[in-house]
Amino acid sequence: MQLYALGVDDNKRSVSTMVEIKLSAVSATESLRARQPGVLWRLGPRVASTISRTSKGYTSASGPYEMHMGGAPHFVGVIAGFSEITTQDGALWRFSAGEFHYVAPGALHHQSPVPCVTMNLVMPGTPADTGPLVLK
């Protein structure tokens, strides 16, 4: 299966991309991935703002084009509500409940949750590990 990703290209620029996640079928309607060595996971509300960045009423203390780095490698899943993400290459993605994406270390982006509940799974690694995603 392919999963949306905030990645880093060969020139260290942040890009919108996809990562391949290999699954093994266990039934006609279910597939699983091998266990991964997650460092920590969190489930909870994200209320960093109450308005999306593309709204005319959006303001930020860091300015309208504020972005931040991806930190350690991690997956984000939207459990309720939606999250709007703008990447350095100008792509705008909206993830709604049930959608997941991968955030690579060094991927410059802006996330504007319009109150939502997310699940985060942090993988082993550091913010300096800008190589490709490695899964079992």
Foldseek 3Di string as FASTA:
>chain_A
DKAWEFAADPVRFTDTDIDDADWDDPDPPDTDGPDAAWPDKDKFKDPVDQDDLPDPPDADPVGSPDKDWQWAKKKKAWQAAWKWKAFPVGDIDIHHHPGMYIYAQSTIMDIDGNITIMMMTGHDDGSVPRDDDDTD
